[in-house]
Amino acid sequence: MKKDHLRPREGGCSLTLDVSPGASRTEISGVNEWRGALQVRVAAEPREGAANEELIRFLAERLGVPRRAITIERGATSSLKVVSLPVDVATARKLLEGT
């Protein structure tokens, strides 16, 4: 069953991510439709929150919003995360996936 990784919510949308830390650069590497998650490789190690900080920095830059506007709702210590974004689903899809 195909799941969507972007879901509308009050004041924006939620985004499910499958995060792989320790990459050579931070980038979106695809969509895992089975898990319903956008796959992101992060150029930081998962120590002392460094990978989460890099993830938030990357998302804020791609979306053109302040870092403080993005929060990790679930999965702070897991590779599968749900973040809250202050933009609608269509805007997030366009800026993150280029569609």
N, C-alpha and C. Protein backbone atom coordinates (compact mmCIF):
# COMPACT_ATOMS: atom_id res chain seq x y z
N MET A 1 0.84 -1.18 0.00
CA MET A 1 0.00 0.00 0.00
C MET A 1 0.88 1.25 0.00
N LYS A 2 0.63 2.16 -0.90
CA LYS A 2 1.39 3.39 -1.02
C LYS A 2 0.93 4.39 0.04
N LYS A 3 1.89 4.97 0.76
CA LYS A 3 1.59 5.97 1.77
C LYS A 3 2.24 7.29 1.35
N ASP A 4 1.58 8.40 1.65
CA ASP A 4 2.15 9.70 1.33
C ASP A 4 2.94 10.21 2.53
N HIS A 5 4.09 10.77 2.28
CA HIS A 5 4.96 11.26 3.35
C HIS A 5 4.61 12.68 3.79
N LEU A 6 3.75 13.37 3.05
CA LEU A 6 3.30 14.71 3.42
C LEU A 6 1.82 14.67 3.77
N ARG A 7 1.48 15.24 4.92
CA ARG A 7 0.08 15.27 5.35
C ARG A 7 -0.26 16.67 5.84
N PRO A 8 -1.42 17.19 5.44
CA PRO A 8 -1.81 18.53 5.91
C PRO A 8 -2.09 18.52 7.41
N ARG A 9 -1.84 19.65 8.03
CA ARG A 9 -2.17 19.85 9.44
C ARG A 9 -2.37 21.33 9.66
N GLU A 10 -2.91 21.69 10.76
CA GLU A 10 -3.18 23.10 11.04
C GLU A 10 -1.87 23.90 11.03
N GLY A 11 -1.84 24.94 10.24
CA GLY A 11 -0.66 25.80 10.17
C GLY A 11 0.46 25.29 9.28
N GLY A 12 0.20 24.24 8.51
CA GLY A 12 1.23 23.72 7.62
C GLY A 12 1.03 22.27 7.27
N CYS A 13 2.08 21.46 7.42
CA CYS A 13 1.98 20.04 7.12
C CYS A 13 2.98 19.26 7.96
N SER A 14 2.80 17.95 7.98
CA SER A 14 3.78 17.07 8.63
C SER A 14 4.46 16.26 7.54
N LEU A 15 5.73 15.96 7.77
CA LEU A 15 6.56 15.25 6.81
C LEU A 15 7.21 14.07 7.51
N THR A 16 7.04 12.88 6.95
CA THR A 16 7.69 11.69 7.47
C THR A 16 8.99 11.49 6.72
N LEU A 17 10.07 11.28 7.46
CA LEU A 17 11.41 11.16 6.90
C LEU A 17 12.07 9.87 7.32
N ASP A 18 12.84 9.30 6.42
CA ASP A 18 13.72 8.17 6.71
C ASP A 18 15.13 8.73 6.58
N VAL A 19 15.79 8.96 7.71
CA VAL A 19 17.05 9.70 7.75
C VAL A 19 18.23 8.75 7.92
N SER A 20 19.26 8.94 7.08
CA SER A 20 20.50 8.17 7.16
C SER A 20 21.64 9.13 7.49
N PRO A 21 22.15 9.10 8.72
CA PRO A 21 23.25 9.99 9.08
C PRO A 21 24.59 9.46 8.57
N GLY A 22 25.61 10.33 8.62
CA GLY A 22 26.97 9.93 8.25
C GLY A 22 27.25 9.95 6.77
N ALA A 23 26.43 10.63 5.98
CA ALA A 23 26.63 10.70 4.53
C ALA A 23 27.73 11.72 4.21
N SER A 24 28.23 11.67 2.99
CA SER A 24 29.26 12.63 2.58
C SER A 24 28.68 14.03 2.37
N ARG A 25 27.37 14.10 2.06
CA ARG A 25 26.69 15.38 1.94
C ARG A 25 25.22 15.20 2.27
N THR A 26 24.58 16.30 2.66
CA THR A 26 23.16 16.25 2.99
C THR A 26 22.35 16.42 1.72
N GLU A 27 21.44 15.46 1.48
CA GLU A 27 20.64 15.50 0.26
C GLU A 27 19.41 14.62 0.40
N ILE A 28 18.43 14.90 -0.44
CA ILE A 28 17.26 14.04 -0.56
C ILE A 28 17.63 12.93 -1.53
N SER A 29 17.45 11.70 -1.09
CA SER A 29 17.89 10.58 -1.92
C SER A 29 16.74 9.78 -2.52
N GLY A 30 15.51 10.18 -2.27
CA GLY A 30 14.38 9.48 -2.87
C GLY A 30 13.18 9.44 -1.97
N VAL A 31 12.21 8.63 -2.37
CA VAL A 31 10.98 8.45 -1.60
C VAL A 31 10.78 6.96 -1.38
N ASN A 32 10.55 6.58 -0.14
CA ASN A 32 10.22 5.21 0.20
C ASN A 32 8.70 5.16 0.32
N GLU A 33 8.02 4.80 -0.76
CA GLU A 33 6.56 4.80 -0.78
C GLU A 33 5.97 3.77 0.16
N TRP A 34 6.65 2.66 0.35
CA TRP A 34 6.15 1.61 1.23
C TRP A 34 6.09 2.11 2.67
N ARG A 35 7.15 2.82 3.11
CA ARG A 35 7.19 3.37 4.46
C ARG A 35 6.49 4.72 4.55
N GLY A 36 6.20 5.32 3.40
CA GLY A 36 5.59 6.64 3.39
C GLY A 36 6.54 7.68 3.93
N ALA A 37 7.80 7.65 3.44
CA ALA A 37 8.82 8.56 3.97
C ALA A 37 9.72 9.09 2.87
N LEU A 38 10.10 10.35 3.01
CA LEU A 38 11.09 10.96 2.14
C LEU A 38 12.45 10.54 2.69
N GLN A 39 13.32 10.02 1.84
CA GLN A 39 14.63 9.56 2.29
C GLN A 39 15.63 10.72 2.20
N VAL A 40 16.31 10.97 3.32
CA VAL A 40 17.28 12.05 3.39
C VAL A 40 18.58 11.51 3.96
N ARG A 41 19.68 11.81 3.27
CA ARG A 41 21.02 11.46 3.76
C ARG A 41 21.58 12.72 4.41
N VAL A 42 22.12 12.58 5.61
CA VAL A 42 22.57 13.73 6.39
C VAL A 42 24.08 13.64 6.64
N ALA A 43 24.77 14.74 6.37
CA ALA A 43 26.23 14.81 6.54
C ALA A 43 26.58 15.19 7.97
N ALA A 44 26.11 14.41 8.91
CA ALA A 44 26.44 14.59 10.32
C ALA A 44 26.22 13.25 11.01
N GLU A 45 26.95 13.05 12.07
CA GLU A 45 26.82 11.82 12.84
C GLU A 45 25.68 11.97 13.85
N PRO A 46 25.05 10.86 14.23
CA PRO A 46 23.94 10.93 15.18
C PRO A 46 24.41 11.04 16.63
N ARG A 47 25.31 11.95 16.88
CA ARG A 47 25.84 12.15 18.23
C ARG A 47 25.43 13.52 18.74
N GLU A 48 24.91 13.54 19.96
CA GLU A 48 24.54 14.79 20.63
C GLU A 48 23.62 15.66 19.78
N GLY A 49 22.75 15.04 18.99
CA GLY A 49 21.78 15.78 18.21
C GLY A 49 22.30 16.43 16.94
N ALA A 50 23.54 16.15 16.56
CA ALA A 50 24.14 16.79 15.38
C ALA A 50 23.39 16.46 14.10
N ALA A 51 22.96 15.22 13.94
CA ALA A 51 22.24 14.83 12.72
C ALA A 51 20.87 15.52 12.66
N ASN A 52 20.19 15.62 13.80
CA ASN A 52 18.89 16.31 13.83
C ASN A 52 19.07 17.80 13.51
N GLU A 53 20.10 18.42 14.04
CA GLU A 53 20.36 19.83 13.76
C GLU A 53 20.65 20.04 12.28
N GLU A 54 21.44 19.16 11.68
CA GLU A 54 21.74 19.27 10.26
C GLU A 54 20.49 19.06 9.42
N LEU A 55 19.65 18.12 9.82
CA LEU A 55 18.40 17.87 9.11
C LEU A 55 17.52 19.12 9.13
N ILE A 56 17.35 19.72 10.29
CA ILE A 56 16.52 20.92 10.41
C ILE A 56 17.12 22.07 9.60
N ARG A 57 18.44 22.23 9.63
CA ARG A 57 19.10 23.28 8.86
C ARG A 57 18.82 23.09 7.37
N PHE A 58 18.96 21.86 6.90
CA PHE A 58 18.74 21.53 5.50
C PHE A 58 17.30 21.81 5.08
N LEU A 59 16.34 21.34 5.87
CA LEU A 59 14.93 21.55 5.54
C LEU A 59 14.58 23.04 5.54
N ALA A 60 15.07 23.78 6.53
CA ALA A 60 14.79 25.21 6.61
C ALA A 60 15.34 25.94 5.40
N GLU A 61 16.53 25.57 4.97
CA GLU A 61 17.13 26.19 3.79
C GLU A 61 16.33 25.88 2.54
N ARG A 62 15.95 24.64 2.36
CA ARG A 62 15.17 24.25 1.16
C ARG A 62 13.80 24.91 1.12
N LEU A 63 13.19 25.10 2.29
CA LEU A 63 11.84 25.66 2.36
C LEU A 63 11.84 27.18 2.50
N GLY A 64 12.99 27.76 2.81
CA GLY A 64 13.07 29.20 2.99
C GLY A 64 12.36 29.70 4.23
N VAL A 65 12.46 28.91 5.30
CA VAL A 65 11.83 29.28 6.57
C VAL A 65 12.88 29.27 7.67
N PRO A 66 12.62 29.94 8.81
CA PRO A 66 13.58 29.90 9.92
C PRO A 66 13.66 28.49 10.52
N ARG A 67 14.82 28.15 11.03
CA ARG A 67 15.00 26.83 11.66
C ARG A 67 14.00 26.58 12.78
N ARG A 68 13.73 27.62 13.55
CA ARG A 68 12.83 27.48 14.70
C ARG A 68 11.40 27.12 14.29
N ALA A 69 11.06 27.30 13.01
CA ALA A 69 9.72 26.99 12.52
C ALA A 69 9.54 25.50 12.23
N ILE A 70 10.63 24.72 12.27
CA ILE A 70 10.57 23.28 12.00
C ILE A 70 10.84 22.53 13.29
N THR A 71 9.95 21.61 13.63
CA THR A 71 10.13 20.83 14.85
C THR A 71 10.03 19.35 14.56
N ILE A 72 10.79 18.58 15.30
CA ILE A 72 10.71 17.12 15.21
C ILE A 72 9.61 16.68 16.18
N GLU A 73 8.53 16.18 15.62
CA GLU A 73 7.37 15.77 16.42
C GLU A 73 7.55 14.37 17.01
N ARG A 74 8.11 13.46 16.20
CA ARG A 74 8.33 12.08 16.64
C ARG A 74 9.62 11.56 16.04
N GLY A 75 10.30 10.69 16.79
CA GLY A 75 11.46 10.01 16.26
C GLY A 75 12.78 10.72 16.40
N ALA A 76 12.94 11.56 17.41
CA ALA A 76 14.18 12.31 17.59
C ALA A 76 15.40 11.39 17.68
N THR A 77 15.23 10.19 18.20
CA THR A 77 16.36 9.26 18.32
C THR A 77 16.24 8.09 17.36
N SER A 78 15.36 8.19 16.39
CA SER A 78 15.13 7.12 15.43
C SER A 78 15.46 7.60 14.02
N SER A 79 15.66 6.66 13.11
CA SER A 79 15.89 7.06 11.71
C SER A 79 14.58 7.47 11.04
N LEU A 80 13.44 6.98 11.54
CA LEU A 80 12.13 7.35 11.01
C LEU A 80 11.59 8.50 11.86
N LYS A 81 11.44 9.67 11.25
CA LYS A 81 11.04 10.88 11.97
C LYS A 81 9.80 11.50 11.34
N VAL A 82 9.07 12.24 12.14
CA VAL A 82 7.97 13.07 11.65
C VAL A 82 8.28 14.49 12.10
N VAL A 83 8.35 15.40 11.12
CA VAL A 83 8.62 16.79 11.43
C VAL A 83 7.42 17.65 11.04
N SER A 84 7.28 18.75 11.74
CA SER A 84 6.22 19.71 11.47
C SER A 84 6.81 20.85 10.65
N LEU A 85 6.17 21.18 9.53
CA LEU A 85 6.64 22.23 8.64
C LEU A 85 5.60 23.35 8.57
N PRO A 86 6.03 24.62 8.47
CA PRO A 86 5.10 25.74 8.42
C PRO A 86 4.62 26.12 7.02
N VAL A 87 4.62 25.16 6.11
CA VAL A 87 4.17 25.40 4.74
C VAL A 87 3.14 24.35 4.37
N ASP A 88 2.31 24.64 3.35
CA ASP A 88 1.30 23.67 2.96
C ASP A 88 1.93 22.52 2.17
N VAL A 89 1.15 21.47 1.97
CA VAL A 89 1.64 20.25 1.31
C VAL A 89 2.16 20.54 -0.09
N ALA A 90 1.43 21.33 -0.87
CA ALA A 90 1.85 21.61 -2.25
C ALA A 90 3.19 22.35 -2.29
N THR A 91 3.37 23.32 -1.41
CA THR A 91 4.62 24.06 -1.35
C THR A 91 5.77 23.16 -0.91
N ALA A 92 5.55 22.35 0.10
CA ALA A 92 6.58 21.42 0.58
C ALA A 92 6.98 20.45 -0.52
N ARG A 93 5.99 19.90 -1.22
CA ARG A 93 6.28 18.94 -2.29
C ARG A 93 7.12 19.60 -3.39
N LYS A 94 6.75 20.81 -3.77
CA LYS A 94 7.46 21.54 -4.83
C LYS A 94 8.90 21.84 -4.42
N LEU A 95 9.11 22.33 -3.19
CA LEU A 95 10.44 22.75 -2.75
C LEU A 95 11.35 21.58 -2.36
N LEU A 96 10.77 20.49 -1.90
CA LEU A 96 11.58 19.35 -1.48
C LEU A 96 11.79 18.33 -2.59
N GLU A 97 10.77 18.15 -3.43
CA GLU A 97 10.84 17.12 -4.46
C GLU A 97 10.98 17.68 -5.87
N GLY A 98 10.75 18.98 -6.01
CA GLY A 98 10.84 19.59 -7.33
C GLY A 98 9.70 19.22 -8.26
N THR A 99 8.55 18.85 -7.69
CA THR A 99 7.39 18.50 -8.53
C THR A 99 6.27 19.50 -8.35
